[in-house]
């Protein structure tokens, strides 16, 4: 988990090529999946899309039942590419766009078994006492991942 202040999203996106460059310099392959537009892609594909704009409350059950799996499928597609190996890094960007629609913890749990190499999640929020909080939201979750933050000491291999 690359944890950064939510206010630094634009800076991180401008510098994510630095992560790619350093990853490939360390001998790993880099693959990226951007889930920023996942909600709009999911909603537009639904046959009742227009009706949900008229009555948004009707979307809640479908959102909870289907959207996390849709996002997980998008990440799985990147993880399943032929050139993704044990030596690969798959980077997920746009996690902040899940806020209010799906829990990042739920999506990550759905893809855990599909990770061959390393999964790097760019996480706008906070990490305190093994607890991740997306966009500094009140609730968070305890996740066993190596946090990389501006305050981290040392490098991740």
C-alpha atoms as a PDB file:
ATOM      1  CA  UNK A   1       0.000   0.000   0.000  1.00  0.00           C
ATOM      2  CA  UNK A   2       1.428   3.338  -1.042  1.00  0.00           C
ATOM      3  CA  UNK A   3      -0.272   5.600   1.469  1.00  0.00           C
ATOM      4  CA  UNK A   4      -0.355   9.317   0.773  1.00  0.00           C
ATOM      5  CA  UNK A   5      -2.316  12.350   1.854  1.00  0.00           C
ATOM      6  CA  UNK A   6      -5.538  12.658  -0.139  1.00  0.00           C
ATOM      7  CA  UNK A   7      -4.558  16.218  -1.076  1.00  0.00           C
ATOM      8  CA  UNK A   8      -1.558  14.846  -2.989  1.00  0.00           C
ATOM      9  CA  UNK A   9      -3.571  12.828  -5.533  1.00  0.00           C
ATOM     10  CA  UNK A  10      -2.641  15.072  -8.469  1.00  0.00           C
ATOM     11  CA  UNK A  11       1.022  15.108  -7.462  1.00  0.00           C
ATOM     12  CA  UNK A  12       1.075  11.336  -7.165  1.00  0.00           C
ATOM     13  CA  UNK A  13      -0.514  10.866 -10.578  1.00  0.00           C
ATOM     14  CA  UNK A  14       2.021  13.261 -12.073  1.00  0.00           C
ATOM     15  CA  UNK A  15       4.861  11.246 -10.532  1.00  0.00           C
ATOM     16  CA  UNK A  16       3.633   7.677 -10.881  1.00  0.00           C
ATOM     17  CA  UNK A  17       6.043   7.196 -13.771  1.00  0.00           C
ATOM     18  CA  UNK A  18       8.801   7.502 -11.127  1.00  0.00           C
ATOM     19  CA  UNK A  19       7.364   4.407  -9.430  1.00  0.00           C
ATOM     20  CA  UNK A  20       7.355   2.571 -12.742  1.00  0.00           C
ATOM     21  CA  UNK A  21      10.913   3.616 -13.538  1.00  0.00           C
ATOM     22  CA  UNK A  22      12.242   2.535 -10.136  1.00  0.00           C
ATOM     23  CA  UNK A  23      10.290  -0.719 -10.281  1.00  0.00           C
ATOM     24  CA  UNK A  24      11.718  -1.665 -13.664  1.00  0.00           C
ATOM     25  CA  UNK A  25      15.203  -0.560 -12.548  1.00  0.00           C
ATOM     26  CA  UNK A  26      14.858  -3.038  -9.662  1.00  0.00           C
ATOM     27  CA  UNK A  27      14.224  -5.810 -12.195  1.00  0.00           C
ATOM     28  CA  UNK A  28      10.427  -6.086 -11.945  1.00  0.00           C
ATOM     29  CA  UNK A  29       7.867  -5.605 -14.693  1.00  0.00           C
ATOM     30  CA  UNK A  30       5.237  -2.890 -14.195  1.00  0.00           C
ATOM     31  CA  UNK A  31       1.547  -3.191 -15.017  1.00  0.00           C
ATOM     32  CA  UNK A  32      -1.039  -0.595 -14.122  1.00  0.00           C
ATOM     33  CA  UNK A  33      -4.796  -0.628 -13.720  1.00  0.00           C
ATOM     34  CA  UNK A  34      -6.732   2.588 -13.179  1.00  0.00           C
ATOM     35  CA  UNK A  35     -10.108   2.134 -11.489  1.00  0.00           C
ATOM     36  CA  UNK A  36     -10.941   5.837 -11.367  1.00  0.00           C
ATOM     37  CA  UNK A  37     -13.803   5.484 -13.853  1.00  0.00           C
ATOM     38  CA  UNK A  38     -15.033   2.081 -12.655  1.00  0.00           C
ATOM     39  CA  UNK A  39     -18.284   3.382 -11.171  1.00  0.00           C
ATOM     40  CA  UNK A  40     -19.312   5.312 -14.258  1.00  0.00           C
ATOM     41  CA  UNK A  41     -18.378   2.365 -16.517  1.00  0.00           C
ATOM     42  CA  UNK A  42     -20.382  -0.009 -14.348  1.00  0.00           C
ATOM     43  CA  UNK A  43     -23.423   2.261 -14.160  1.00  0.00           C
ATOM     44  CA  UNK A  44     -23.525   3.132 -17.858  1.00  0.00           C
ATOM     45  CA  UNK A  45     -23.451  -0.577 -18.763  1.00  0.00           C
ATOM     46  CA  UNK A  46     -26.611  -1.226 -16.726  1.00  0.00           C
ATOM     47  CA  UNK A  47     -29.866  -1.356 -18.659  1.00  0.00           C
ATOM     48  CA  UNK A  48     -31.630   0.643 -15.929  1.00  0.00           C
ATOM     49  CA  UNK A  49     -29.015   3.397 -15.807  1.00  0.00           C
ATOM     50  CA  UNK A  50     -31.441   6.219 -16.635  1.00  0.00           C
ATOM     51  CA  UNK A  51     -33.969   5.002 -14.066  1.00  0.00           C
ATOM     52  CA  UNK A  52     -31.316   5.170 -11.337  1.00  0.00           C
ATOM     53  CA  UNK A  53     -30.856   8.874 -12.004  1.00  0.00           C
ATOM     54  CA  UNK A  54     -34.565   9.362 -11.401  1.00  0.00           C
ATOM     55  CA  UNK A  55     -34.546   7.234  -8.243  1.00  0.00           C
ATOM     56  CA  UNK A  56     -30.973   6.854  -6.908  1.00  0.00           C
ATOM     57  CA  UNK A  57     -32.084   4.962  -3.790  1.00  0.00           C
ATOM     58  CA  UNK A  58     -33.036   2.033  -6.019  1.00  0.00           C
ATOM     59  CA  UNK A  59     -29.367   1.614  -6.907  1.00  0.00           C
ATOM     60  CA  UNK A  60     -28.145   0.794  -3.381  1.00  0.00           C
ATOM     61  CA  UNK A  61     -28.831  -2.963  -3.330  1.00  0.00           C
ATOM     62  CA  UNK A  62     -27.393  -3.503  -6.793  1.00  0.00           C
ATOM     63  CA  UNK A  63     -24.397  -1.359  -5.908  1.00  0.00           C
ATOM     64  CA  UNK A  64     -23.581  -3.422  -2.820  1.00  0.00           C
ATOM     65  CA  UNK A  65     -24.156  -6.741  -4.586  1.00  0.00           C
ATOM     66  CA  UNK A  66     -22.406  -6.117  -7.891  1.00  0.00           C
ATOM     67  CA  UNK A  67     -20.046  -3.146  -7.922  1.00  0.00           C
ATOM     68  CA  UNK A  68     -17.205  -4.568  -5.764  1.00  0.00           C
ATOM     69  CA  UNK A  69     -17.079  -7.641  -8.006  1.00  0.00           C
ATOM     70  CA  UNK A  70     -17.018  -5.395 -11.104  1.00  0.00           C
ATOM     71  CA  UNK A  71     -13.991  -3.516  -9.734  1.00  0.00           C
ATOM     72  CA  UNK A  72     -12.332  -6.780  -8.707  1.00  0.00           C
ATOM     73  CA  UNK A  73     -12.840  -8.126 -12.247  1.00  0.00           C
ATOM     74  CA  UNK A  74     -11.118  -5.056 -13.648  1.00  0.00           C
ATOM     75  CA  UNK A  75      -8.123  -5.646 -11.368  1.00  0.00           C
ATOM     76  CA  UNK A  76      -8.184  -9.399 -12.080  1.00  0.00           C
ATOM     77  CA  UNK A  77      -7.960  -8.662 -15.803  1.00  0.00           C
ATOM     78  CA  UNK A  78      -4.668  -6.853 -15.199  1.00  0.00           C
ATOM     79  CA  UNK A  79      -3.438  -9.614 -12.889  1.00  0.00           C
ATOM     80  CA  UNK A  80      -4.291 -12.280 -15.475  1.00  0.00           C
ATOM     81  CA  UNK A  81      -2.372 -10.768 -18.385  1.00  0.00           C
ATOM     82  CA  UNK A  82       0.034 -13.261 -19.968  1.00  0.00           C
ATOM     83  CA  UNK A  83       3.076 -11.138 -19.189  1.00  0.00           C
ATOM     84  CA  UNK A  84       2.254 -10.780 -15.465  1.00  0.00           C
ATOM     85  CA  UNK A  85       4.525 -13.135 -13.528  1.00  0.00           C
ATOM     86  CA  UNK A  86       5.853 -13.677 -10.008  1.00  0.00           C
ATOM     87  CA  UNK A  87       8.338 -10.901 -10.806  1.00  0.00           C
ATOM     88  CA  UNK A  88       5.647  -8.395 -11.757  1.00  0.00           C
ATOM     89  CA  UNK A  89       4.209  -5.415  -9.959  1.00  0.00           C
ATOM     90  CA  UNK A  90       0.574  -4.628 -10.690  1.00  0.00           C
ATOM     91  CA  UNK A  91      -0.244  -1.095  -9.570  1.00  0.00           C
ATOM     92  CA  UNK A  92      -3.815  -0.064  -8.797  1.00  0.00           C
ATOM     93  CA  UNK A  93      -4.562   3.633  -9.011  1.00  0.00           C
ATOM     94  CA  UNK A  94      -7.852   5.468  -8.511  1.00  0.00           C
ATOM     95  CA  UNK A  95      -8.842   3.733  -5.267  1.00  0.00           C
ATOM     96  CA  UNK A  96     -10.208   7.005  -3.897  1.00  0.00           C
ATOM     97  CA  UNK A  97     -12.994   6.826  -6.482  1.00  0.00           C
ATOM     98  CA  UNK A  98     -14.432   3.816  -4.626  1.00  0.00           C
ATOM     99  CA  UNK A  99     -15.332   5.985  -1.644  1.00  0.00           C
ATOM    100  CA  UNK A 100     -19.069   5.880  -1.034  1.00  0.00           C
ATOM    101  CA  UNK A 101     -19.605   3.073  -3.555  1.00  0.00           C
ATOM    102  CA  UNK A 102     -17.511   0.134  -2.316  1.00  0.00           C
ATOM    103  CA  UNK A 103     -14.997  -0.649   0.385  1.00  0.00           C
ATOM    104  CA  UNK A 104     -11.406  -0.939  -0.772  1.00  0.00           C
ATOM    105  CA  UNK A 105     -10.955  -3.769   1.740  1.00  0.00           C
ATOM    106  CA  UNK A 106     -13.766  -5.750   0.127  1.00  0.00           C
ATOM    107  CA  UNK A 107     -12.337  -5.330  -3.371  1.00  0.00           C
ATOM    108  CA  UNK A 108      -8.818  -6.281  -2.256  1.00  0.00           C
ATOM    109  CA  UNK A 109     -10.125  -9.380  -0.507  1.00  0.00           C
ATOM    110  CA  UNK A 110     -11.772 -10.442  -3.782  1.00  0.00           C
ATOM    111  CA  UNK A 111      -8.478 -10.274  -5.729  1.00  0.00           C
ATOM    112  CA  UNK A 112      -6.005 -11.573  -3.133  1.00  0.00           C
ATOM    113  CA  UNK A 113      -5.950 -15.109  -4.543  1.00  0.00           C
ATOM    114  CA  UNK A 114      -5.214 -13.808  -8.050  1.00  0.00           C
ATOM    115  CA  UNK A 115      -1.997 -11.955  -7.193  1.00  0.00           C
ATOM    116  CA  UNK A 116       1.045 -13.702  -8.680  1.00  0.00           C
ATOM    117  CA  UNK A 117       3.758 -11.168  -7.909  1.00  0.00           C
ATOM    118  CA  UNK A 118       3.190  -7.917  -6.059  1.00  0.00           C
ATOM    119  CA  UNK A 119       0.080  -5.794  -5.898  1.00  0.00           C
ATOM    120  CA  UNK A 120       0.717  -2.117  -5.187  1.00  0.00           C
ATOM    121  CA  UNK A 121      -2.313  -0.073  -4.217  1.00  0.00           C
ATOM    122  CA  UNK A 122      -1.985   3.709  -4.332  1.00  0.00           C
ATOM    123  CA  UNK A 123      -4.041   4.625  -1.293  1.00  0.00           C
ATOM    124  CA  UNK A 124      -5.140   8.207  -0.594  1.00  0.00           C
ATOM    125  CA  UNK A 125      -5.718   8.253   3.123  1.00  0.00           C
ATOM    126  CA  UNK A 126      -4.023   7.362   6.361  1.00  0.00           C
ATOM    127  CA  UNK A 127      -2.286   4.419   7.970  1.00  0.00           C
ATOM    128  CA  UNK A 128      -2.161   4.349  11.762  1.00  0.00           C
ATOM    129  CA  UNK A 129      -1.626   1.332  14.029  1.00  0.00           C
ATOM    130  CA  UNK A 130      -2.181  -1.205  11.209  1.00  0.00           C
ATOM    131  CA  UNK A 131      -5.434   0.524  10.257  1.00  0.00           C
ATOM    132  CA  UNK A 132      -6.031   1.959   6.766  1.00  0.00           C
ATOM    133  CA  UNK A 133      -8.510   4.792   6.340  1.00  0.00           C
ATOM    134  CA  UNK A 134      -9.467   5.695   2.761  1.00  0.00           C
ATOM    135  CA  UNK A 135      -9.709   9.463   2.288  1.00  0.00           C
ATOM    136  CA  UNK A 136      -9.268   9.806   6.062  1.00  0.00           C
ATOM    137  CA  UNK A 137     -12.777   8.442   6.635  1.00  0.00           C
ATOM    138  CA  UNK A 138     -13.830   7.640  10.155  1.00  0.00           C
ATOM    139  CA  UNK A 139     -13.938   3.878   9.682  1.00  0.00           C
ATOM    140  CA  UNK A 140     -10.998   1.901   8.436  1.00  0.00           C
ATOM    141  CA  UNK A 141      -9.815  -1.649   8.276  1.00  0.00           C
ATOM    142  CA  UNK A 142      -6.934  -3.676   9.548  1.00  0.00           C
ATOM    143  CA  UNK A 143      -5.041  -5.071   6.572  1.00  0.00           C
ATOM    144  CA  UNK A 144      -1.806  -7.014   6.567  1.00  0.00           C
ATOM    145  CA  UNK A 145       0.048  -5.098   3.867  1.00  0.00           C
ATOM    146  CA  UNK A 146       3.363  -3.316   3.889  1.00  0.00           C
ATOM    147  CA  UNK A 147       2.596   0.402   4.069  1.00  0.00           C
ATOM    148  CA  UNK A 148       4.813   2.718   2.060  1.00  0.00           C
ATOM    149  CA  UNK A 149       4.350   6.322   2.998  1.00  0.00           C
ATOM    150  CA  UNK A 150       6.190   9.589   3.016  1.00  0.00           C
ATOM    151  CA  UNK A 151       7.165   8.719   6.592  1.00  0.00           C
ATOM    152  CA  UNK A 152       8.380   5.156   5.840  1.00  0.00           C
ATOM    153  CA  UNK A 153      11.897   4.184   6.772  1.00  0.00           C
ATOM    154  CA  UNK A 154      13.682   2.002   4.270  1.00  0.00           C
ATOM    155  CA  UNK A 155      12.769   0.535   0.918  1.00  0.00           C
ATOM    156  CA  UNK A 156      10.375  -2.233  -0.055  1.00  0.00           C
ATOM    157  CA  UNK A 157      11.898  -4.979  -2.186  1.00  0.00           C
END
